[in-house]
Each structure stands twice: as C-alpha cells, then as structure tokens.
C-alpha cells in the first residue's frame, strides 16, 4: 500500500474532548463502525486535515468508554479505506487525497442495462473460424469454430450500443441457448449473471467509429467512440466469451470522487 500522508515537522494534534461527536450506544451499528464514521466525518469537514494526527487510542477509549480493541477496529477501518495511516510508536495520521488511487465506477452503464426502456435486437449469429486475434483472446487455436454474435442495444427505440461478441463453440449446446446464456454484461449488472461465468475483465478504449459501426448506430463520421472490450471466464478461469460494446463518445460519461466522500 502506498503511504500518502503529508510529512510535517509538526503535525497538528488535537485532543478528542471538545471536537468529537458522541455516538449512539443504543444503535444497531457497532461501536467501532460509529467511531470510524465519526472520525471520517471530521476529516471530511476539515476538523482533521491531511497530515494531522488523529486522537490517540487512549483518548478515544476515554471519550467513548470503549475497549482498546474497539478503537483499534475503528482505526483499522480507516487504514483499510486508505483514509489514514497508522505508524507504530507515533500515531495515526490523515492521508492526503490521492488522484492515482481514484476508481471509476460503471454506474452509468449499470443504469443503462437495468433500464426498462432497453431493447436488444439480434443482428446475426454465425459460426466462424477463429483468426489470430480471436484465438488469442479465447485461448484457442486459429481455425477453431466460434460463435459470432452481433447485437444492437436500443434505448427508447434509439441505437445506443453496438455489441460484437465471440463465444467458444460448444456442439452440446444449441446456438440460441448459448446466445441467451452469454448476454453477460446486462445479467452481471442486474446481479443475476450466467451460471457459467465466474468473473469478467473490462478494458475501456477510445477510437473512431468505422463506417459500418456508424451506420448501425445511425451517426455521422468521423465520430469518436468508447470501446468496452470484455472477456468472461468460466469457473476453471478459461475464457468463454470475448467481444466489445461500442458507444458514441457523447453518450457515455465516467465520473469518480477523490478524497473523503
């Protein structure tokens, strides 16, 4: 873990008596969680700033009439969330916000796939031989049979995403059944998921739409787009599906928060 506290010759150290909020002893929320959230709230509002030393364990025990173990669990929560750093023999210090540690969530995609106004049009399903790219992504050999699926996802009857996907061909499964099993991204976002899928990896790229993609999505070229390349793995960690979603750049945004939220 990267330590990102601000080093000062003298850090600001405040006692807990006059600044910490009380906690609810009758609450169902554990005491350690309440204490951690109280400290986070004071960090969020600037009572404790980056580089400041948090109240000592003994102070927190006295303030809240709890055991040292409870206080340690509260501090460990802050350390695990990278809100603070504990230094043995010195104390616990507030971390500064770290831009490099920001995580971008796909909430907008989740909202899209869980919407009631979404429809999926199956453009075509073919059995094709894997070229070098497909073979590499599916960990198979060049020339092996794969199922190629193309879909158009619409929102309020307007084109939103173009989806191209390649699946490992399994002669024991009918093509249509396999196609239904592998509408993976929507299922995973909705929390149902395929019972064949253990995990997935998503890579986001930016590029210009091809003429074919622009025609399908009914936009003019040149047009920048997001390519959400996905690979899904079975419970043996073998790839069973590879493909990508294409979305015009003006239809998708990515947002994150930095610091204590």
C-alpha atoms as a PDB file:
ATOM      1  CA  UNK A   1       0.000   0.000   0.000  1.00  0.00           C
ATOM      2  CA  UNK A   2       1.334   3.434  -0.856  1.00  0.00           C
ATOM      3  CA  UNK A   3       1.626   5.752   2.125  1.00  0.00           C
ATOM      4  CA  UNK A   4       0.388   9.204   1.213  1.00  0.00           C
ATOM      5  CA  UNK A   5       0.466  11.231   4.410  1.00  0.00           C
ATOM      6  CA  UNK A   6       1.849  14.750   4.366  1.00  0.00           C
ATOM      7  CA  UNK A   7       5.082  14.820   6.339  1.00  0.00           C
ATOM      8  CA  UNK A   8       5.407  17.843   8.591  1.00  0.00           C
ATOM      9  CA  UNK A   9       7.950  18.815  11.186  1.00  0.00           C
ATOM     10  CA  UNK A  10       4.973  19.447  13.461  1.00  0.00           C
ATOM     11  CA  UNK A  11       1.636  17.861  12.668  1.00  0.00           C
ATOM     12  CA  UNK A  12      -1.493  19.335  14.167  1.00  0.00           C
ATOM     13  CA  UNK A  13      -2.601  17.196  17.080  1.00  0.00           C
ATOM     14  CA  UNK A  14      -5.976  17.779  18.665  1.00  0.00           C
ATOM     15  CA  UNK A  15      -7.456  16.227  21.750  1.00  0.00           C
ATOM     16  CA  UNK A  16     -10.751  14.437  21.407  1.00  0.00           C
ATOM     17  CA  UNK A  17     -12.587  16.025  24.324  1.00  0.00           C
ATOM     18  CA  UNK A  18     -14.032  19.079  22.614  1.00  0.00           C
ATOM     19  CA  UNK A  19     -14.230  18.120  18.957  1.00  0.00           C
ATOM     20  CA  UNK A  20     -15.532  14.574  18.584  1.00  0.00           C
ATOM     21  CA  UNK A  21     -19.232  13.901  18.235  1.00  0.00           C
ATOM     22  CA  UNK A  22     -20.921  11.440  20.595  1.00  0.00           C
ATOM     23  CA  UNK A  23     -22.099   8.073  19.352  1.00  0.00           C
ATOM     24  CA  UNK A  24     -25.348   6.216  19.932  1.00  0.00           C
ATOM     25  CA  UNK A  25     -24.850   3.365  22.388  1.00  0.00           C
ATOM     26  CA  UNK A  26     -28.323   2.048  21.591  1.00  0.00           C
ATOM     27  CA  UNK A  27     -27.682   1.813  17.861  1.00  0.00           C
ATOM     28  CA  UNK A  28     -27.521  -1.479  15.997  1.00  0.00           C
ATOM     29  CA  UNK A  29     -24.384  -0.156  14.267  1.00  0.00           C
ATOM     30  CA  UNK A  30     -21.282  -1.495  16.062  1.00  0.00           C
ATOM     31  CA  UNK A  31     -19.384   0.982  18.222  1.00  0.00           C
ATOM     32  CA  UNK A  32     -16.179   0.640  16.182  1.00  0.00           C
ATOM     33  CA  UNK A  33     -18.054   1.471  12.971  1.00  0.00           C
ATOM     34  CA  UNK A  34     -19.679   4.520  14.561  1.00  0.00           C
ATOM     35  CA  UNK A  35     -16.315   5.781  15.816  1.00  0.00           C
ATOM     36  CA  UNK A  36     -14.708   5.281  12.399  1.00  0.00           C
ATOM     37  CA  UNK A  37     -17.553   7.164  10.711  1.00  0.00           C
ATOM     38  CA  UNK A  38     -17.343  10.000  13.244  1.00  0.00           C
ATOM     39  CA  UNK A  39     -13.628  10.381  12.515  1.00  0.00           C
ATOM     40  CA  UNK A  40     -14.315  10.278   8.759  1.00  0.00           C
ATOM     41  CA  UNK A  41     -16.958  12.969   9.141  1.00  0.00           C
ATOM     42  CA  UNK A  42     -14.497  15.217  10.969  1.00  0.00           C
ATOM     43  CA  UNK A  43     -11.897  14.601   8.256  1.00  0.00           C
ATOM     44  CA  UNK A  44     -14.498  15.372   5.593  1.00  0.00           C
ATOM     45  CA  UNK A  45     -15.412  18.694   7.230  1.00  0.00           C
ATOM     46  CA  UNK A  46     -11.795  19.750   7.794  1.00  0.00           C
ATOM     47  CA  UNK A  47     -11.594  19.308  11.559  1.00  0.00           C
ATOM     48  CA  UNK A  48      -8.754  16.904  10.835  1.00  0.00           C
ATOM     49  CA  UNK A  49      -6.746  17.736   7.728  1.00  0.00           C
ATOM     50  CA  UNK A  50      -4.141  15.826   5.692  1.00  0.00           C
ATOM     51  CA  UNK A  51      -1.102  15.286   7.881  1.00  0.00           C
ATOM     52  CA  UNK A  52      -2.976  15.804  11.141  1.00  0.00           C
ATOM     53  CA  UNK A  53      -2.615  13.225  13.867  1.00  0.00           C
ATOM     54  CA  UNK A  54      -5.875  11.650  14.979  1.00  0.00           C
ATOM     55  CA  UNK A  55      -6.665  11.372  18.701  1.00  0.00           C
ATOM     56  CA  UNK A  56      -4.661   8.688  20.459  1.00  0.00           C
ATOM     57  CA  UNK A  57      -6.143   5.292  21.239  1.00  0.00           C
ATOM     58  CA  UNK A  58      -6.275   6.122  24.961  1.00  0.00           C
ATOM     59  CA  UNK A  59      -8.147   9.366  24.272  1.00  0.00           C
ATOM     60  CA  UNK A  60     -10.748   7.601  22.131  1.00  0.00           C
ATOM     61  CA  UNK A  61     -11.177   4.871  24.754  1.00  0.00           C
ATOM     62  CA  UNK A  62     -11.783   7.502  27.436  1.00  0.00           C
ATOM     63  CA  UNK A  63     -14.032   9.646  25.230  1.00  0.00           C
ATOM     64  CA  UNK A  64     -16.327   6.795  24.199  1.00  0.00           C
ATOM     65  CA  UNK A  65     -15.901   4.452  27.163  1.00  0.00           C
ATOM     66  CA  UNK A  66     -14.948   1.543  24.915  1.00  0.00           C
ATOM     67  CA  UNK A  67     -12.167  -1.033  24.934  1.00  0.00           C
ATOM     68  CA  UNK A  68      -8.828  -0.611  23.136  1.00  0.00           C
ATOM     69  CA  UNK A  69      -9.870  -3.446  20.799  1.00  0.00           C
ATOM     70  CA  UNK A  70     -12.930  -1.445  19.684  1.00  0.00           C
ATOM     71  CA  UNK A  71     -10.791   1.615  18.962  1.00  0.00           C
ATOM     72  CA  UNK A  72      -8.251  -0.472  17.043  1.00  0.00           C
ATOM     73  CA  UNK A  73     -11.037  -1.869  14.853  1.00  0.00           C
ATOM     74  CA  UNK A  74     -12.197   1.691  14.135  1.00  0.00           C
ATOM     75  CA  UNK A  75      -8.670   2.790  13.214  1.00  0.00           C
ATOM     76  CA  UNK A  76      -8.159  -0.323  11.083  1.00  0.00           C
ATOM     77  CA  UNK A  77     -11.310   0.583   9.137  1.00  0.00           C
ATOM     78  CA  UNK A  78      -9.814   3.992   8.291  1.00  0.00           C
ATOM     79  CA  UNK A  79      -6.492   2.404   7.337  1.00  0.00           C
ATOM     80  CA  UNK A  80      -8.197  -0.218   5.147  1.00  0.00           C
ATOM     81  CA  UNK A  81     -10.134   2.549   3.383  1.00  0.00           C
ATOM     82  CA  UNK A  82      -6.835   4.466   2.918  1.00  0.00           C
ATOM     83  CA  UNK A  83      -8.265   7.404   4.841  1.00  0.00           C
ATOM     84  CA  UNK A  84      -5.436   7.302   7.383  1.00  0.00           C
ATOM     85  CA  UNK A  85      -2.066   5.693   8.010  1.00  0.00           C
ATOM     86  CA  UNK A  86      -1.023   4.182  11.341  1.00  0.00           C
ATOM     87  CA  UNK A  87       2.659   4.476  12.241  1.00  0.00           C
ATOM     88  CA  UNK A  88       3.840   2.236  15.058  1.00  0.00           C
ATOM     89  CA  UNK A  89       5.106   4.232  18.030  1.00  0.00           C
ATOM     90  CA  UNK A  90       3.942   7.527  16.550  1.00  0.00           C
ATOM     91  CA  UNK A  91       0.193   7.581  15.923  1.00  0.00           C
ATOM     92  CA  UNK A  92      -2.427   7.631  13.197  1.00  0.00           C
ATOM     93  CA  UNK A  93      -2.300  10.359  10.545  1.00  0.00           C
ATOM     94  CA  UNK A  94      -4.797  11.586   7.969  1.00  0.00           C
ATOM     95  CA  UNK A  95      -3.839  10.780   4.381  1.00  0.00           C
ATOM     96  CA  UNK A  96      -3.978  13.355   1.629  1.00  0.00           C
ATOM     97  CA  UNK A  97      -6.317  12.664  -1.328  1.00  0.00           C
ATOM     98  CA  UNK A  98      -4.503  10.603  -3.939  1.00  0.00           C
ATOM     99  CA  UNK A  99      -5.582  11.123  -7.536  1.00  0.00           C
ATOM    100  CA  UNK A 100      -3.803   7.953  -8.668  1.00  0.00           C
ATOM    101  CA  UNK A 101      -5.947   5.856  -6.351  1.00  0.00           C
ATOM    102  CA  UNK A 102      -9.256   7.074  -7.809  1.00  0.00           C
ATOM    103  CA  UNK A 103     -11.623   4.371  -9.035  1.00  0.00           C
ATOM    104  CA  UNK A 104     -14.073   4.928 -11.858  1.00  0.00           C
ATOM    105  CA  UNK A 105     -17.319   3.044 -11.434  1.00  0.00           C
ATOM    106  CA  UNK A 106     -19.606   1.981 -14.260  1.00  0.00           C
ATOM    107  CA  UNK A 107     -22.787   3.259 -12.611  1.00  0.00           C
ATOM    108  CA  UNK A 108     -23.979   4.847 -15.840  1.00  0.00           C
ATOM    109  CA  UNK A 109     -23.656   1.511 -17.616  1.00  0.00           C
ATOM    110  CA  UNK A 110     -25.433  -0.251 -14.785  1.00  0.00           C
ATOM    111  CA  UNK A 111     -28.297   2.243 -15.002  1.00  0.00           C
ATOM    112  CA  UNK A 112     -28.436   1.726 -18.762  1.00  0.00           C
ATOM    113  CA  UNK A 113     -28.581  -2.064 -18.648  1.00  0.00           C
ATOM    114  CA  UNK A 114     -31.126  -2.138 -15.832  1.00  0.00           C
ATOM    115  CA  UNK A 115     -33.484   0.325 -17.547  1.00  0.00           C
ATOM    116  CA  UNK A 116     -36.957  -0.823 -18.536  1.00  0.00           C
ATOM    117  CA  UNK A 117     -36.766   1.050 -21.858  1.00  0.00           C
ATOM    118  CA  UNK A 118     -33.866  -1.061 -23.176  1.00  0.00           C
ATOM    119  CA  UNK A 119     -34.356  -3.444 -26.081  1.00  0.00           C
ATOM    120  CA  UNK A 120     -31.852  -5.796 -27.712  1.00  0.00           C
ATOM    121  CA  UNK A 121     -32.005  -6.556 -31.415  1.00  0.00           C
ATOM    122  CA  UNK A 122     -30.109  -9.624 -32.590  1.00  0.00           C
ATOM    123  CA  UNK A 123     -28.431  -8.661 -35.868  1.00  0.00           C
ATOM    124  CA  UNK A 124     -26.960 -12.039 -36.719  1.00  0.00           C
ATOM    125  CA  UNK A 125     -25.440 -15.246 -35.315  1.00  0.00           C
ATOM    126  CA  UNK A 126     -22.800 -17.161 -37.277  1.00  0.00           C
ATOM    127  CA  UNK A 127     -20.302 -19.924 -36.706  1.00  0.00           C
ATOM    128  CA  UNK A 128     -16.905 -18.626 -37.827  1.00  0.00           C
ATOM    129  CA  UNK A 129     -13.325 -19.844 -37.669  1.00  0.00           C
ATOM    130  CA  UNK A 130     -11.130 -18.053 -35.147  1.00  0.00           C
ATOM    131  CA  UNK A 131      -8.473 -15.764 -36.582  1.00  0.00           C
ATOM    132  CA  UNK A 132      -5.288 -14.964 -34.650  1.00  0.00           C
ATOM    133  CA  UNK A 133      -6.911 -12.208 -32.572  1.00  0.00           C
ATOM    134  CA  UNK A 134      -9.977 -14.253 -31.609  1.00  0.00           C
ATOM    135  CA  UNK A 135      -7.880 -17.350 -30.917  1.00  0.00           C
ATOM    136  CA  UNK A 136      -5.590 -15.365 -28.619  1.00  0.00           C
ATOM    137  CA  UNK A 137      -8.471 -13.811 -26.669  1.00  0.00           C
ATOM    138  CA  UNK A 138     -10.339 -17.107 -26.264  1.00  0.00           C
ATOM    139  CA  UNK A 139      -7.191 -19.156 -25.647  1.00  0.00           C
ATOM    140  CA  UNK A 140      -7.981 -21.478 -28.525  1.00  0.00           C
ATOM    141  CA  UNK A 141      -6.289 -22.316 -31.821  1.00  0.00           C
ATOM    142  CA  UNK A 142      -6.558 -20.497 -35.131  1.00  0.00           C
ATOM    143  CA  UNK A 143      -9.261 -22.092 -37.246  1.00  0.00           C
ATOM    144  CA  UNK A 144     -11.320 -23.409 -34.321  1.00  0.00           C
ATOM    145  CA  UNK A 145     -15.068 -22.838 -34.535  1.00  0.00           C
ATOM    146  CA  UNK A 146     -16.507 -19.912 -32.581  1.00  0.00           C
ATOM    147  CA  UNK A 147     -19.962 -18.369 -32.404  1.00  0.00           C
ATOM    148  CA  UNK A 148     -20.047 -14.788 -33.660  1.00  0.00           C
ATOM    149  CA  UNK A 149     -22.952 -12.684 -32.372  1.00  0.00           C
ATOM    150  CA  UNK A 150     -23.812  -9.113 -33.314  1.00  0.00           C
ATOM    151  CA  UNK A 151     -26.428  -7.141 -31.402  1.00  0.00           C
ATOM    152  CA  UNK A 152     -27.840  -3.630 -31.353  1.00  0.00           C
ATOM    153  CA  UNK A 153     -28.926  -2.277 -27.987  1.00  0.00           C
ATOM    154  CA  UNK A 154     -31.538   0.454 -28.117  1.00  0.00           C
ATOM    155  CA  UNK A 155     -32.727   2.947 -25.528  1.00  0.00           C
ATOM    156  CA  UNK A 156     -36.173   4.395 -26.131  1.00  0.00           C
ATOM    157  CA  UNK A 157     -36.002   2.738 -29.573  1.00  0.00           C
ATOM    158  CA  UNK A 158     -32.856   4.712 -30.499  1.00  0.00           C
ATOM    159  CA  UNK A 159     -29.492   2.969 -31.174  1.00  0.00           C
ATOM    160  CA  UNK A 160     -27.241   3.215 -28.128  1.00  0.00           C
ATOM    161  CA  UNK A 161     -24.678   0.365 -28.178  1.00  0.00           C
ATOM    162  CA  UNK A 162     -23.409  -1.946 -30.871  1.00  0.00           C
ATOM    163  CA  UNK A 163     -22.229  -5.280 -29.478  1.00  0.00           C
ATOM    164  CA  UNK A 164     -19.922  -7.768 -31.176  1.00  0.00           C
ATOM    165  CA  UNK A 165     -19.103 -10.994 -29.341  1.00  0.00           C
ATOM    166  CA  UNK A 166     -17.282 -14.280 -29.942  1.00  0.00           C
ATOM    167  CA  UNK A 167     -18.049 -17.396 -27.906  1.00  0.00           C
ATOM    168  CA  UNK A 168     -16.338 -20.735 -27.565  1.00  0.00           C
ATOM    169  CA  UNK A 169     -18.359 -23.120 -29.739  1.00  0.00           C
ATOM    170  CA  UNK A 170     -19.877 -25.989 -27.793  1.00  0.00           C
ATOM    171  CA  UNK A 171     -21.675 -28.540 -30.011  1.00  0.00           C
ATOM    172  CA  UNK A 172     -23.565 -29.819 -26.963  1.00  0.00           C
ATOM    173  CA  UNK A 173     -25.402 -26.503 -26.644  1.00  0.00           C
ATOM    174  CA  UNK A 174     -27.848 -25.120 -29.226  1.00  0.00           C
ATOM    175  CA  UNK A 175     -26.650 -21.798 -30.648  1.00  0.00           C
ATOM    176  CA  UNK A 176     -29.702 -19.877 -29.436  1.00  0.00           C
ATOM    177  CA  UNK A 177     -29.352 -21.265 -25.913  1.00  0.00           C
ATOM    178  CA  UNK A 178     -25.698 -20.280 -25.849  1.00  0.00           C
ATOM    179  CA  UNK A 179     -26.563 -16.819 -27.130  1.00  0.00           C
ATOM    180  CA  UNK A 180     -29.055 -16.349 -24.307  1.00  0.00           C
ATOM    181  CA  UNK A 181     -26.538 -17.529 -21.717  1.00  0.00           C
ATOM    182  CA  UNK A 182     -23.947 -15.054 -22.912  1.00  0.00           C
ATOM    183  CA  UNK A 183     -25.884 -11.805 -22.753  1.00  0.00           C
ATOM    184  CA  UNK A 184     -23.405 -11.391 -19.959  1.00  0.00           C
ATOM    185  CA  UNK A 185     -22.937  -7.735 -19.248  1.00  0.00           C
ATOM    186  CA  UNK A 186     -26.614  -6.985 -18.734  1.00  0.00           C
ATOM    187  CA  UNK A 187     -27.034 -10.018 -16.464  1.00  0.00           C
ATOM    188  CA  UNK A 188     -23.972  -9.164 -14.411  1.00  0.00           C
ATOM    189  CA  UNK A 189     -25.076  -5.552 -13.940  1.00  0.00           C
ATOM    190  CA  UNK A 190     -28.532  -6.720 -12.885  1.00  0.00           C
ATOM    191  CA  UNK A 191     -26.973  -9.114 -10.379  1.00  0.00           C
ATOM    192  CA  UNK A 192     -28.285 -12.325 -11.922  1.00  0.00           C
ATOM    193  CA  UNK A 193     -25.383 -13.346 -14.154  1.00  0.00           C
ATOM    194  CA  UNK A 194     -24.844 -16.543 -16.071  1.00  0.00           C
ATOM    195  CA  UNK A 195     -24.241 -19.690 -14.041  1.00  0.00           C
ATOM    196  CA  UNK A 196     -21.326 -20.393 -16.405  1.00  0.00           C
ATOM    197  CA  UNK A 197     -19.452 -17.183 -15.600  1.00  0.00           C
ATOM    198  CA  UNK A 198     -17.070 -16.778 -12.669  1.00  0.00           C
ATOM    199  CA  UNK A 199     -15.613 -13.371 -13.499  1.00  0.00           C
ATOM    200  CA  UNK A 200     -15.032 -10.832 -16.214  1.00  0.00           C
ATOM    201  CA  UNK A 201     -12.458  -8.255 -17.284  1.00  0.00           C
ATOM    202  CA  UNK A 202     -13.378  -4.972 -18.971  1.00  0.00           C
ATOM    203  CA  UNK A 203     -10.981  -2.664 -20.834  1.00  0.00           C
ATOM    204  CA  UNK A 204     -12.160   0.769 -21.993  1.00  0.00           C
ATOM    205  CA  UNK A 205     -10.600   2.206 -25.138  1.00  0.00           C
ATOM    206  CA  UNK A 206     -11.263   5.251 -27.305  1.00  0.00           C
ATOM    207  CA  UNK A 207     -11.228   5.191 -31.115  1.00  0.00           C
ATOM    208  CA  UNK A 208     -13.094   6.441 -34.169  1.00  0.00           C
ATOM    209  CA  UNK A 209     -16.139   4.521 -35.332  1.00  0.00           C
ATOM    210  CA  UNK A 210     -15.796   2.507 -38.500  1.00  0.00           C
ATOM    211  CA  UNK A 211     -18.220   3.266 -41.317  1.00  0.00           C
ATOM    212  CA  UNK A 212     -20.110   0.037 -40.563  1.00  0.00           C
ATOM    213  CA  UNK A 213     -20.428   0.842 -36.848  1.00  0.00           C
ATOM    214  CA  UNK A 214     -21.540   4.406 -37.582  1.00  0.00           C
ATOM    215  CA  UNK A 215     -24.214   3.137 -39.972  1.00  0.00           C
ATOM    216  CA  UNK A 216     -25.541   0.685 -37.378  1.00  0.00           C
ATOM    217  CA  UNK A 217     -25.591   3.359 -34.664  1.00  0.00           C
ATOM    218  CA  UNK A 218     -27.018   5.945 -37.089  1.00  0.00           C
ATOM    219  CA  UNK A 219     -24.385   8.617 -36.511  1.00  0.00           C
ATOM    220  CA  UNK A 220     -22.185  10.557 -38.901  1.00  0.00           C
ATOM    221  CA  UNK A 221     -18.451  10.023 -39.282  1.00  0.00           C
ATOM    222  CA  UNK A 222     -15.921  10.917 -38.092  1.00  0.00           C
ATOM    223  CA  UNK A 223     -17.215  10.134 -34.615  1.00  0.00           C
ATOM    224  CA  UNK A 224     -15.186   9.273 -31.512  1.00  0.00           C
ATOM    225  CA  UNK A 225     -16.430   6.310 -29.511  1.00  0.00           C
ATOM    226  CA  UNK A 226     -15.820   4.237 -26.405  1.00  0.00           C
ATOM    227  CA  UNK A 227     -14.989   0.580 -26.927  1.00  0.00           C
ATOM    228  CA  UNK A 228     -15.734  -1.535 -23.858  1.00  0.00           C
ATOM    229  CA  UNK A 229     -13.830  -4.719 -24.522  1.00  0.00           C
ATOM    230  CA  UNK A 230     -14.867  -7.612 -22.301  1.00  0.00           C
ATOM    231  CA  UNK A 231     -13.638 -11.123 -21.593  1.00  0.00           C
ATOM    232  CA  UNK A 232     -15.658 -13.530 -19.448  1.00  0.00           C
ATOM    233  CA  UNK A 233     -14.210 -16.604 -17.741  1.00  0.00           C
ATOM    234  CA  UNK A 234     -15.717 -19.855 -16.502  1.00  0.00           C
ATOM    235  CA  UNK A 235     -15.039 -21.436 -13.112  1.00  0.00           C
ATOM    236  CA  UNK A 236     -11.847 -23.002 -14.448  1.00  0.00           C
ATOM    237  CA  UNK A 237     -10.629 -19.481 -15.332  1.00  0.00           C
ATOM    238  CA  UNK A 238     -10.843 -20.332 -19.038  1.00  0.00           C
ATOM    239  CA  UNK A 239     -12.146 -17.580 -21.371  1.00  0.00           C
ATOM    240  CA  UNK A 240     -15.541 -18.445 -22.842  1.00  0.00           C
ATOM    241  CA  UNK A 241     -16.552 -15.099 -24.323  1.00  0.00           C
ATOM    242  CA  UNK A 242     -14.724 -12.130 -25.804  1.00  0.00           C
ATOM    243  CA  UNK A 243     -16.105  -9.073 -27.523  1.00  0.00           C
ATOM    244  CA  UNK A 244     -16.801  -5.383 -27.254  1.00  0.00           C
ATOM    245  CA  UNK A 245     -19.548  -2.821 -26.857  1.00  0.00           C
ATOM    246  CA  UNK A 246     -19.290   0.319 -28.987  1.00  0.00           C
ATOM    247  CA  UNK A 247     -20.873   3.575 -27.856  1.00  0.00           C
ATOM    248  CA  UNK A 248     -20.554   7.053 -29.428  1.00  0.00           C
ATOM    249  CA  UNK A 249     -18.458   9.252 -27.155  1.00  0.00           C
ATOM    250  CA  UNK A 250     -21.222  11.743 -26.431  1.00  0.00           C
ATOM    251  CA  UNK A 251     -23.488   9.079 -24.910  1.00  0.00           C
ATOM    252  CA  UNK A 252     -21.345   7.887 -22.035  1.00  0.00           C
ATOM    253  CA  UNK A 253     -19.538   9.617 -19.158  1.00  0.00           C
ATOM    254  CA  UNK A 254     -17.238   8.363 -16.436  1.00  0.00           C
ATOM    255  CA  UNK A 255     -17.151  10.008 -13.011  1.00  0.00           C
ATOM    256  CA  UNK A 256     -15.260   9.485  -9.793  1.00  0.00           C
ATOM    257  CA  UNK A 257     -14.804  11.243  -6.467  1.00  0.00           C
ATOM    258  CA  UNK A 258     -11.417  11.942  -4.923  1.00  0.00           C
ATOM    259  CA  UNK A 259     -10.873  12.226  -1.192  1.00  0.00           C
ATOM    260  CA  UNK A 260     -13.296  11.502   1.634  1.00  0.00           C
ATOM    261  CA  UNK A 261     -16.847  11.153   0.338  1.00  0.00           C
END
